[in-house]
Protein backbone atom coordinates (compact mmCIF):
# COMPACT_ATOMS: atom_id res chain seq x y z
CA MET A 1 10.90 100.33 115.17
CA VAL A 2 8.91 99.86 118.36
CA LYS A 3 12.00 100.06 120.58
CA LEU A 4 13.18 103.21 118.81
CA GLY A 5 9.75 104.84 118.98
CA ILE A 6 9.53 105.30 115.19
CA LYS A 7 5.96 106.33 114.44
CA PHE A 8 6.10 106.62 110.65
CA PRO A 9 6.24 103.88 108.02
CA ALA A 10 9.74 102.51 107.60
CA LEU A 11 11.20 99.81 105.42
CA VAL A 12 13.65 97.09 106.31
CA ASP A 13 15.19 95.69 103.14
CA GLU A 14 15.28 91.99 102.33
CA ILE A 15 18.56 90.08 102.43
CA SER A 16 18.89 90.38 98.62
CA ASN A 17 18.73 94.21 98.93
CA PRO A 18 16.12 95.04 96.25
CA THR A 19 15.35 98.41 97.86
CA GLU A 20 19.02 99.38 98.07
CA VAL A 21 19.48 98.46 94.41
CA THR A 22 16.37 100.38 93.30
CA TYR A 23 16.76 103.50 95.47
CA THR A 24 20.50 103.69 96.17
CA GLY A 25 19.74 103.30 99.86
CA TRP A 26 23.31 102.70 101.04
CA PRO A 27 24.74 104.52 102.82
CA ASP A 28 21.71 105.84 104.69
CA ARG A 29 19.40 108.20 102.83
CA LEU A 30 16.13 109.93 103.60
CA TYR A 31 13.25 109.62 101.16
CA VAL A 32 9.78 111.11 100.95
CA ILE A 33 7.45 109.10 98.74
CA ASP A 34 4.31 110.84 97.49
CA ARG A 35 0.81 109.34 97.41
CA GLU A 36 1.34 108.06 93.87
CA GLY A 37 4.47 106.17 94.97
CA ARG A 38 6.92 108.58 93.32
CA ILE A 39 10.06 109.88 94.98
CA ALA A 40 9.31 113.45 96.06
CA TYR A 41 12.60 113.92 97.94
CA LYS A 42 15.87 111.98 98.12
CA SER A 43 18.65 113.13 100.44
CA ASP A 44 22.34 112.89 99.82
CA ALA A 45 24.19 110.12 101.64
CA GLY A 46 23.87 110.42 105.39
CA PRO A 47 24.34 111.36 107.97
CA TYR A 48 26.02 114.51 106.64
CA GLY A 49 23.76 114.64 103.58
CA PHE A 50 20.59 114.66 105.66
CA LYS A 51 18.73 117.98 105.38
CA PRO A 52 15.73 117.74 107.71
CA LEU A 53 14.44 121.15 106.63
CA ARG A 54 14.19 119.94 103.03
CA VAL A 55 12.23 116.90 104.21
CA ALA A 56 9.88 119.23 106.11
CA GLU A 57 9.50 121.53 103.08
CA THR A 58 8.66 118.55 100.87
CA LEU A 59 6.09 117.27 103.35
CA GLN A 60 4.50 120.72 103.64
CA ARG A 61 4.30 120.97 99.86
CA LEU A 62 2.70 117.52 99.60
CA LEU A 63 0.36 117.90 102.58
CA PRO A 64 -0.74 121.56 102.69
CA GLN A 65 -4.21 120.70 104.06
CA HIS A 66 -2.60 119.21 107.19
CA GLN A 67 -0.76 122.47 107.78
CA ALA A 68 -4.03 124.40 107.85
CA ALA A 69 -5.69 121.87 110.14
CA ASP A 70 -2.73 121.91 112.56
CA ALA A 71 -2.84 125.72 112.78
CA ARG A 72 -6.39 125.67 114.16
């Protein structure tokens, strides 16, 4: 993550793949998890199923107060 410059929380699954089993993480998928730990957005399989605008829309819906603060 450091070498790639990733600045948001990311998960690296364990060798037994519990995250992949729980979230259907293979092939690659994008998820947005809300503050209560629920899945707010799950992309289709990537990379062709990735819809960055839908991720952004979900984040804006979940974090509207940050939008207002950023506009100032």
